[in-house]
């Protein structure tokens, strides 16, 4: 995925960059994509292993403080795996459970990263099956991710009284 110019190895300046860095900690057996659902419908033809998809967020909240702006996008993060057409329901259930476990690993890594406020409590998920042209099965988490450190808008470290 192309770097947007706001992320460097030392500084993750975008929410997407932060999510990408978390997904990369899950290991080489997991792919990562950042796109909207229409793009995902095309791109999923090319995946060969379980994939984390950060869906382009439709909305969010920018919180302005005197020296920084924090982003809190309303996100959907999908955890999907390619499946065969017309397979047994028990196999599909196993894939759904595996993708839930991948989602749990992702949330655990997100919480440990310190890049966002910890995810705690109930998290809504949807099962993704037969919604796209490619045969994929998975789960989609709906989360509001709140950055712990935002974008600096002031070089002063102290606030004038």
N, C-alpha and C. Protein backbone atom coordinates (compact mmCIF):
# COMPACT_ATOMS: atom_id res chain seq x y z
N UNK A 1 0.85 -1.17 0.00
CA UNK A 1 0.00 0.00 0.00
C UNK A 1 0.90 1.24 0.00
N UNK A 2 0.53 2.21 -0.77
CA UNK A 2 1.33 3.41 -0.91
C UNK A 2 1.25 4.25 0.36
N UNK A 3 2.41 4.79 0.76
CA UNK A 3 2.47 5.66 1.92
C UNK A 3 1.90 7.02 1.54
N UNK A 4 1.03 7.55 2.37
CA UNK A 4 0.37 8.82 2.06
C UNK A 4 1.26 10.02 2.28
N UNK A 5 2.44 9.84 2.85
CA UNK A 5 3.33 10.96 3.10
C UNK A 5 3.23 11.50 4.50
N UNK A 6 2.23 11.08 5.25
CA UNK A 6 2.06 11.56 6.61
C UNK A 6 2.64 10.58 7.63
N UNK A 7 3.00 9.39 7.17
CA UNK A 7 3.55 8.37 8.06
C UNK A 7 5.01 8.14 7.72
N UNK A 8 5.83 8.04 8.76
CA UNK A 8 7.22 7.64 8.61
C UNK A 8 7.45 6.50 9.58
N UNK A 9 8.63 5.90 9.51
CA UNK A 9 8.93 4.80 10.42
C UNK A 9 8.83 5.26 11.88
N UNK A 10 9.21 6.50 12.13
CA UNK A 10 9.21 7.02 13.49
C UNK A 10 7.87 7.61 13.91
N UNK A 11 7.10 8.07 12.95
CA UNK A 11 5.87 8.79 13.27
C UNK A 11 4.71 8.26 12.45
N UNK A 12 3.67 7.85 13.12
CA UNK A 12 2.46 7.42 12.44
C UNK A 12 1.46 8.57 12.53
N UNK A 13 1.31 9.31 11.44
CA UNK A 13 0.51 10.52 11.47
C UNK A 13 -0.94 10.34 11.06
N UNK A 14 -1.30 9.17 10.56
CA UNK A 14 -2.68 8.96 10.13
C UNK A 14 -3.27 7.77 10.88
N UNK A 15 -4.58 7.78 11.02
CA UNK A 15 -5.25 6.64 11.64
C UNK A 15 -4.98 5.38 10.82
N UNK A 16 -5.02 5.50 9.50
CA UNK A 16 -4.76 4.34 8.65
C UNK A 16 -3.35 3.80 8.89
N UNK A 17 -2.37 4.67 9.01
CA UNK A 17 -1.00 4.23 9.28
C UNK A 17 -0.90 3.48 10.60
N UNK A 18 -1.63 3.96 11.59
CA UNK A 18 -1.63 3.30 12.90
C UNK A 18 -2.28 1.92 12.81
N UNK A 19 -3.40 1.84 12.11
CA UNK A 19 -4.09 0.55 11.96
C UNK A 19 -3.22 -0.42 11.16
N UNK A 20 -2.58 0.09 10.10
CA UNK A 20 -1.68 -0.75 9.30
C UNK A 20 -0.55 -1.31 10.16
N UNK A 21 0.03 -0.46 11.01
CA UNK A 21 1.14 -0.92 11.86
C UNK A 21 0.67 -2.00 12.84
N UNK A 22 -0.54 -1.89 13.33
CA UNK A 22 -1.10 -2.90 14.23
C UNK A 22 -1.34 -4.20 13.47
N UNK A 23 -1.92 -4.11 12.28
CA UNK A 23 -2.18 -5.31 11.47
C UNK A 23 -0.88 -6.03 11.13
N UNK A 24 0.18 -5.27 10.89
CA UNK A 24 1.47 -5.89 10.55
C UNK A 24 2.06 -6.69 11.70
N UNK A 25 1.65 -6.40 12.93
CA UNK A 25 2.16 -7.17 14.08
C UNK A 25 1.52 -8.55 14.17
N UNK A 26 0.47 -8.79 13.39
CA UNK A 26 -0.23 -10.08 13.45
C UNK A 26 0.53 -11.18 12.73
N UNK A 27 1.56 -10.83 11.99
CA UNK A 27 2.41 -11.83 11.35
C UNK A 27 2.26 -11.89 9.85
N UNK A 28 3.21 -12.56 9.20
CA UNK A 28 3.23 -12.61 7.73
C UNK A 28 2.11 -13.46 7.12
N UNK A 29 1.43 -14.24 7.94
CA UNK A 29 0.34 -15.06 7.41
C UNK A 29 -0.97 -14.27 7.26
N UNK A 30 -0.93 -12.98 7.62
CA UNK A 30 -2.11 -12.11 7.54
C UNK A 30 -1.82 -10.98 6.55
N UNK A 31 -2.75 -10.74 5.63
CA UNK A 31 -2.63 -9.61 4.70
C UNK A 31 -3.41 -8.42 5.26
N UNK A 32 -3.13 -7.23 4.71
CA UNK A 32 -3.80 -6.01 5.12
C UNK A 32 -4.20 -5.22 3.88
N UNK A 33 -5.38 -4.65 3.92
CA UNK A 33 -5.86 -3.77 2.85
C UNK A 33 -6.59 -2.58 3.47
N UNK A 34 -6.49 -1.42 2.79
CA UNK A 34 -7.22 -0.21 3.17
C UNK A 34 -7.95 0.26 1.92
N UNK A 35 -9.28 0.23 1.97
CA UNK A 35 -10.06 0.58 0.78
C UNK A 35 -11.54 0.69 1.15
N UNK A 36 -12.33 1.13 0.18
CA UNK A 36 -13.77 1.13 0.40
C UNK A 36 -14.34 -0.22 -0.03
N UNK A 37 -15.64 -0.42 0.19
CA UNK A 37 -16.23 -1.73 -0.12
C UNK A 37 -16.20 -2.04 -1.61
N UNK A 38 -16.38 -1.04 -2.46
CA UNK A 38 -16.35 -1.28 -3.91
C UNK A 38 -14.96 -1.76 -4.34
N UNK A 39 -13.92 -1.12 -3.81
CA UNK A 39 -12.55 -1.55 -4.12
C UNK A 39 -12.28 -2.94 -3.56
N UNK A 40 -12.79 -3.20 -2.36
CA UNK A 40 -12.59 -4.52 -1.75
C UNK A 40 -13.22 -5.61 -2.60
N UNK A 41 -14.36 -5.30 -3.19
CA UNK A 41 -15.05 -6.28 -4.02
C UNK A 41 -14.17 -6.75 -5.18
N UNK A 42 -13.33 -5.85 -5.71
CA UNK A 42 -12.41 -6.18 -6.79
C UNK A 42 -11.13 -6.80 -6.23
N UNK A 43 -10.57 -6.18 -5.21
CA UNK A 43 -9.27 -6.60 -4.66
C UNK A 43 -9.31 -7.99 -4.03
N UNK A 44 -10.44 -8.38 -3.49
CA UNK A 44 -10.51 -9.67 -2.81
C UNK A 44 -10.30 -10.86 -3.75
N UNK A 45 -10.40 -10.61 -5.05
CA UNK A 45 -10.07 -11.67 -6.02
C UNK A 45 -8.60 -12.08 -5.92
N UNK A 46 -7.77 -11.20 -5.36
CA UNK A 46 -6.32 -11.42 -5.35
C UNK A 46 -5.78 -11.94 -4.02
N UNK A 47 -6.60 -12.01 -2.99
CA UNK A 47 -6.06 -12.43 -1.69
C UNK A 47 -5.94 -13.94 -1.63
N UNK A 48 -4.95 -14.39 -0.88
CA UNK A 48 -4.70 -15.83 -0.77
C UNK A 48 -4.66 -16.30 0.68
N UNK A 49 -4.72 -15.37 1.62
CA UNK A 49 -4.66 -15.74 3.03
C UNK A 49 -5.59 -14.82 3.82
N UNK A 50 -5.82 -15.12 5.09
CA UNK A 50 -6.69 -14.25 5.89
C UNK A 50 -6.25 -12.79 5.79
N UNK A 51 -7.23 -11.91 5.71
CA UNK A 51 -6.94 -10.50 5.43
C UNK A 51 -7.72 -9.59 6.38
N UNK A 52 -7.02 -8.56 6.86
CA UNK A 52 -7.64 -7.48 7.63
C UNK A 52 -7.92 -6.36 6.64
N UNK A 53 -9.16 -5.92 6.58
CA UNK A 53 -9.54 -4.82 5.69
C UNK A 53 -10.03 -3.66 6.54
N UNK A 54 -9.28 -2.55 6.49
CA UNK A 54 -9.74 -1.32 7.14
C UNK A 54 -10.55 -0.58 6.08
N UNK A 55 -11.86 -0.54 6.28
CA UNK A 55 -12.76 0.07 5.30
C UNK A 55 -12.73 1.59 5.49
N UNK A 56 -12.57 2.30 4.38
CA UNK A 56 -12.51 3.76 4.40
C UNK A 56 -13.66 4.29 5.26
N UNK A 57 -13.34 5.00 6.36
CA UNK A 57 -14.41 5.42 7.28
C UNK A 57 -15.31 6.49 6.68
N UNK A 58 -16.62 6.37 6.92
CA UNK A 58 -17.57 7.33 6.36
C UNK A 58 -17.68 8.61 7.17
N UNK A 59 -17.30 8.55 8.44
CA UNK A 59 -17.46 9.72 9.31
C UNK A 59 -16.60 9.54 10.55
N UNK A 60 -16.60 10.55 11.38
CA UNK A 60 -15.84 10.49 12.61
C UNK A 60 -15.95 11.81 13.36
N UNK A 61 -15.09 11.96 14.34
CA UNK A 61 -15.07 13.17 15.15
C UNK A 61 -13.64 13.67 15.27
N UNK A 62 -13.44 14.97 15.04
CA UNK A 62 -12.15 15.60 15.31
C UNK A 62 -12.29 16.36 16.62
N UNK A 63 -11.43 16.06 17.57
CA UNK A 63 -11.46 16.74 18.87
C UNK A 63 -10.30 17.72 18.92
N UNK A 64 -10.63 19.01 18.99
CA UNK A 64 -9.61 20.06 19.01
C UNK A 64 -9.31 20.44 20.45
N UNK A 65 -8.03 20.44 20.78
CA UNK A 65 -7.55 20.95 22.06
C UNK A 65 -6.58 22.07 21.73
N UNK A 66 -6.06 22.74 22.71
CA UNK A 66 -5.22 23.90 22.44
C UNK A 66 -3.97 23.57 21.64
N UNK A 67 -3.44 22.35 21.76
CA UNK A 67 -2.18 22.04 21.07
C UNK A 67 -2.24 20.84 20.13
N UNK A 68 -3.39 20.18 20.02
CA UNK A 68 -3.47 19.03 19.14
C UNK A 68 -4.91 18.77 18.70
N UNK A 69 -5.00 17.97 17.64
CA UNK A 69 -6.29 17.51 17.14
C UNK A 69 -6.25 15.99 17.14
N UNK A 70 -7.25 15.38 17.77
CA UNK A 70 -7.35 13.92 17.79
C UNK A 70 -8.49 13.48 16.88
N UNK A 71 -8.23 12.42 16.14
CA UNK A 71 -9.22 11.86 15.22
C UNK A 71 -9.87 10.65 15.88
N UNK A 72 -11.17 10.52 15.71
CA UNK A 72 -11.92 9.36 16.20
C UNK A 72 -12.89 8.92 15.10
N UNK A 73 -12.38 8.17 14.10
CA UNK A 73 -13.24 7.75 13.01
C UNK A 73 -14.20 6.63 13.43
N UNK A 74 -15.38 6.65 12.83
CA UNK A 74 -16.32 5.55 12.98
C UNK A 74 -15.91 4.52 11.93
N UNK A 75 -15.38 3.40 12.38
CA UNK A 75 -14.73 2.48 11.46
C UNK A 75 -15.47 1.16 11.31
N UNK A 76 -15.15 0.51 10.21
CA UNK A 76 -15.47 -0.89 10.01
C UNK A 76 -14.15 -1.57 9.66
N UNK A 77 -13.84 -2.62 10.39
CA UNK A 77 -12.64 -3.40 10.12
C UNK A 77 -13.09 -4.83 9.90
N UNK A 78 -12.81 -5.33 8.69
CA UNK A 78 -13.24 -6.67 8.31
C UNK A 78 -12.09 -7.65 8.44
N UNK A 79 -12.41 -8.86 8.82
CA UNK A 79 -11.46 -9.96 8.94
C UNK A 79 -12.03 -11.07 8.07
N UNK A 80 -11.41 -11.31 6.91
CA UNK A 80 -12.00 -12.20 5.92
C UNK A 80 -11.03 -13.27 5.44
N UNK A 81 -11.60 -14.33 4.93
CA UNK A 81 -10.84 -15.43 4.36
C UNK A 81 -11.58 -15.93 3.12
N UNK A 82 -10.84 -16.23 2.08
CA UNK A 82 -11.45 -16.77 0.86
C UNK A 82 -12.03 -18.15 1.17
N UNK A 83 -13.20 -18.43 0.61
CA UNK A 83 -13.85 -19.72 0.82
C UNK A 83 -14.26 -20.33 -0.51
N UNK A 84 -14.51 -21.61 -0.49
CA UNK A 84 -14.99 -22.30 -1.68
C UNK A 84 -16.48 -22.04 -1.84
N UNK A 85 -16.96 -22.09 -3.06
CA UNK A 85 -18.38 -21.94 -3.34
C UNK A 85 -19.11 -23.24 -2.99
N UNK A 86 -20.28 -23.11 -2.40
CA UNK A 86 -21.11 -24.27 -2.05
C UNK A 86 -20.42 -25.28 -1.15
N UNK A 87 -19.88 -24.82 -0.05
CA UNK A 87 -19.25 -25.76 0.89
C UNK A 87 -20.18 -26.01 2.06
N UNK A 88 -19.79 -26.93 2.90
CA UNK A 88 -20.59 -27.32 4.06
C UNK A 88 -20.74 -26.16 5.05
N UNK A 89 -21.92 -26.07 5.66
CA UNK A 89 -22.17 -25.03 6.66
C UNK A 89 -21.23 -25.12 7.84
N UNK A 90 -20.86 -26.33 8.24
CA UNK A 90 -19.95 -26.48 9.39
C UNK A 90 -18.57 -25.91 9.06
N UNK A 91 -18.14 -26.02 7.81
CA UNK A 91 -16.86 -25.43 7.40
C UNK A 91 -16.95 -23.91 7.47
N UNK A 92 -18.06 -23.36 7.01
CA UNK A 92 -18.27 -21.92 7.06
C UNK A 92 -18.25 -21.42 8.50
N UNK A 93 -18.89 -22.16 9.40
CA UNK A 93 -18.90 -21.78 10.81
C UNK A 93 -17.48 -21.77 11.36
N UNK A 94 -16.67 -22.74 10.97
CA UNK A 94 -15.28 -22.78 11.42
C UNK A 94 -14.48 -21.58 10.94
N UNK A 95 -14.74 -21.14 9.70
CA UNK A 95 -14.05 -19.95 9.17
C UNK A 95 -14.50 -18.70 9.91
N UNK A 96 -15.79 -18.59 10.18
CA UNK A 96 -16.30 -17.44 10.94
C UNK A 96 -15.64 -17.39 12.31
N UNK A 97 -15.56 -18.52 12.99
CA UNK A 97 -14.92 -18.55 14.31
C UNK A 97 -13.44 -18.19 14.22
N UNK A 98 -12.76 -18.65 13.18
CA UNK A 98 -11.34 -18.31 12.99
C UNK A 98 -11.18 -16.81 12.76
N UNK A 99 -12.09 -16.19 12.01
CA UNK A 99 -12.01 -14.76 11.75
C UNK A 99 -12.37 -13.96 13.01
N UNK A 100 -13.25 -14.47 13.85
CA UNK A 100 -13.51 -13.82 15.15
C UNK A 100 -12.24 -13.84 15.99
N UNK A 101 -11.53 -14.96 15.96
CA UNK A 101 -10.28 -15.05 16.73
C UNK A 101 -9.23 -14.09 16.18
N UNK A 102 -9.18 -13.93 14.86
CA UNK A 102 -8.28 -12.95 14.26
C UNK A 102 -8.67 -11.55 14.71
N UNK A 103 -9.97 -11.27 14.77
CA UNK A 103 -10.45 -9.97 15.26
C UNK A 103 -10.03 -9.75 16.71
N UNK A 104 -10.13 -10.78 17.53
CA UNK A 104 -9.71 -10.67 18.93
C UNK A 104 -8.21 -10.38 19.01
N UNK A 105 -7.41 -11.08 18.20
CA UNK A 105 -5.96 -10.82 18.17
C UNK A 105 -5.67 -9.37 17.78
N UNK A 106 -6.43 -8.86 16.79
CA UNK A 106 -6.25 -7.48 16.34
C UNK A 106 -6.59 -6.50 17.46
N UNK A 107 -7.73 -6.70 18.12
CA UNK A 107 -8.13 -5.79 19.21
C UNK A 107 -7.11 -5.84 20.35
N UNK A 108 -6.62 -7.03 20.66
CA UNK A 108 -5.59 -7.16 21.70
C UNK A 108 -4.34 -6.38 21.30
N UNK A 109 -3.90 -6.51 20.05
CA UNK A 109 -2.72 -5.77 19.57
C UNK A 109 -2.99 -4.27 19.57
N UNK A 110 -4.20 -3.87 19.20
CA UNK A 110 -4.57 -2.45 19.22
C UNK A 110 -4.49 -1.91 20.64
N UNK A 111 -5.06 -2.63 21.59
CA UNK A 111 -5.02 -2.19 22.99
C UNK A 111 -3.60 -2.10 23.51
N UNK A 112 -2.75 -3.05 23.13
CA UNK A 112 -1.36 -3.05 23.60
C UNK A 112 -0.51 -1.98 22.92
N UNK A 113 -0.94 -1.50 21.75
CA UNK A 113 -0.15 -0.52 21.00
C UNK A 113 -0.09 0.84 21.67
N UNK A 114 -1.14 1.21 22.40
CA UNK A 114 -1.21 2.54 23.00
C UNK A 114 -1.53 3.64 21.99
N UNK A 115 -1.79 3.28 20.74
CA UNK A 115 -2.09 4.28 19.71
C UNK A 115 -3.52 4.78 19.77
N UNK A 116 -4.40 3.98 20.35
CA UNK A 116 -5.82 4.33 20.48
C UNK A 116 -6.26 4.05 21.90
N UNK A 117 -7.36 4.69 22.29
CA UNK A 117 -7.95 4.36 23.58
C UNK A 117 -8.33 2.88 23.54
N UNK A 118 -8.17 2.18 24.65
CA UNK A 118 -8.46 0.74 24.65
C UNK A 118 -9.91 0.43 24.28
N UNK A 119 -10.08 -0.65 23.54
CA UNK A 119 -11.41 -1.16 23.22
C UNK A 119 -11.83 -2.03 24.39
N UNK A 120 -13.00 -1.74 24.94
CA UNK A 120 -13.47 -2.46 26.12
C UNK A 120 -14.99 -2.59 26.01
N UNK A 121 -15.52 -3.63 26.57
CA UNK A 121 -16.97 -3.80 26.57
C UNK A 121 -17.47 -4.45 25.30
N UNK A 122 -18.74 -4.24 25.02
CA UNK A 122 -19.40 -4.88 23.87
C UNK A 122 -18.92 -4.25 22.56
N UNK A 123 -18.63 -5.09 21.59
CA UNK A 123 -18.25 -4.64 20.25
C UNK A 123 -19.18 -5.33 19.25
N UNK A 124 -19.88 -4.53 18.47
CA UNK A 124 -20.80 -5.05 17.46
C UNK A 124 -20.01 -5.67 16.31
N UNK A 125 -20.44 -6.85 15.87
CA UNK A 125 -19.86 -7.44 14.67
C UNK A 125 -20.97 -7.95 13.77
N UNK A 126 -20.65 -8.04 12.48
CA UNK A 126 -21.56 -8.61 11.50
C UNK A 126 -20.82 -9.74 10.80
N UNK A 127 -21.54 -10.79 10.47
CA UNK A 127 -20.95 -11.88 9.69
C UNK A 127 -21.01 -11.48 8.22
N UNK A 128 -19.90 -11.62 7.55
CA UNK A 128 -19.80 -11.29 6.13
C UNK A 128 -19.74 -12.60 5.35
N UNK A 129 -20.80 -12.87 4.62
CA UNK A 129 -20.85 -14.09 3.83
C UNK A 129 -21.70 -13.83 2.59
N UNK A 130 -21.15 -14.09 1.44
CA UNK A 130 -21.88 -13.97 0.18
C UNK A 130 -22.37 -12.54 -0.07
N UNK A 131 -21.60 -11.54 0.39
CA UNK A 131 -21.96 -10.14 0.14
C UNK A 131 -21.18 -9.54 -1.02
N UNK A 132 -20.08 -10.18 -1.39
CA UNK A 132 -19.20 -9.64 -2.42
C UNK A 132 -19.11 -10.64 -3.57
N UNK A 133 -18.54 -10.20 -4.68
CA UNK A 133 -18.40 -11.09 -5.84
C UNK A 133 -17.50 -12.28 -5.53
N UNK A 134 -16.41 -12.03 -4.82
CA UNK A 134 -15.50 -13.11 -4.42
C UNK A 134 -16.12 -13.86 -3.24
N UNK A 135 -15.91 -15.16 -3.19
CA UNK A 135 -16.43 -15.96 -2.08
C UNK A 135 -15.52 -15.78 -0.87
N UNK A 136 -15.94 -14.93 0.04
CA UNK A 136 -15.21 -14.73 1.29
C UNK A 136 -16.17 -14.87 2.45
N UNK A 137 -15.62 -15.28 3.56
CA UNK A 137 -16.38 -15.36 4.80
C UNK A 137 -15.58 -14.63 5.85
N UNK A 138 -16.27 -13.95 6.75
CA UNK A 138 -15.56 -13.27 7.82
C UNK A 138 -16.50 -12.52 8.73
N UNK A 139 -15.90 -11.65 9.51
CA UNK A 139 -16.66 -10.79 10.41
C UNK A 139 -16.19 -9.35 10.22
N UNK A 140 -17.10 -8.43 10.47
CA UNK A 140 -16.80 -7.01 10.38
C UNK A 140 -17.09 -6.39 11.74
N UNK A 141 -16.07 -5.76 12.33
CA UNK A 141 -16.26 -5.03 13.59
C UNK A 141 -16.60 -3.59 13.28
N UNK A 142 -17.54 -3.03 14.03
CA UNK A 142 -17.87 -1.62 13.94
C UNK A 142 -17.36 -0.96 15.20
N UNK A 143 -16.38 -0.07 15.03
CA UNK A 143 -15.70 0.54 16.18
C UNK A 143 -15.54 2.04 15.97
N UNK A 144 -15.50 2.79 17.05
CA UNK A 144 -15.01 4.16 17.01
C UNK A 144 -13.64 4.13 17.66
N UNK A 145 -12.62 4.39 16.87
CA UNK A 145 -11.24 4.37 17.37
C UNK A 145 -10.83 5.78 17.73
N UNK A 146 -10.44 5.98 18.99
CA UNK A 146 -10.04 7.30 19.46
C UNK A 146 -8.53 7.34 19.64
N UNK A 147 -7.87 8.22 18.88
CA UNK A 147 -6.42 8.35 19.01
C UNK A 147 -6.04 8.78 20.42
N UNK A 148 -4.94 8.24 20.94
CA UNK A 148 -4.44 8.70 22.24
C UNK A 148 -3.57 9.94 22.07
N UNK A 149 -2.89 10.03 20.95
CA UNK A 149 -2.07 11.20 20.64
C UNK A 149 -2.46 11.66 19.26
N UNK A 150 -2.81 12.92 19.16
CA UNK A 150 -3.27 13.44 17.89
C UNK A 150 -2.18 14.16 17.12
N UNK A 151 -2.61 15.00 16.22
CA UNK A 151 -1.72 15.80 15.38
C UNK A 151 -1.44 17.10 16.11
N UNK A 152 -0.17 17.44 16.25
CA UNK A 152 0.21 18.68 16.92
C UNK A 152 -0.15 19.87 16.05
N UNK A 153 -0.81 20.86 16.64
CA UNK A 153 -1.13 22.08 15.91
C UNK A 153 -0.45 23.29 16.53
N UNK A 154 0.43 23.01 17.48
CA UNK A 154 1.11 24.09 18.19
C UNK A 154 2.50 23.59 18.58
N UNK A 155 3.50 24.43 18.38
CA UNK A 155 4.86 24.02 18.74
C UNK A 155 5.17 24.32 20.21
N UNK A 156 4.36 25.15 20.84
CA UNK A 156 4.58 25.46 22.25
C UNK A 156 4.18 24.28 23.12
N UNK A 157 5.04 23.96 24.09
CA UNK A 157 4.72 22.85 24.99
C UNK A 157 3.92 23.29 26.20
N UNK A 158 3.84 24.59 26.41
CA UNK A 158 3.04 25.10 27.54
C UNK A 158 1.95 26.00 26.99
N UNK A 159 0.91 26.08 27.76
CA UNK A 159 -0.24 26.88 27.35
C UNK A 159 -0.18 28.23 28.04
N UNK A 160 -0.38 29.30 27.27
CA UNK A 160 -0.42 30.63 27.87
C UNK A 160 -1.69 30.78 28.69
N UNK A 161 -1.55 31.35 29.86
CA UNK A 161 -2.70 31.52 30.75
C UNK A 161 -3.40 32.83 30.51
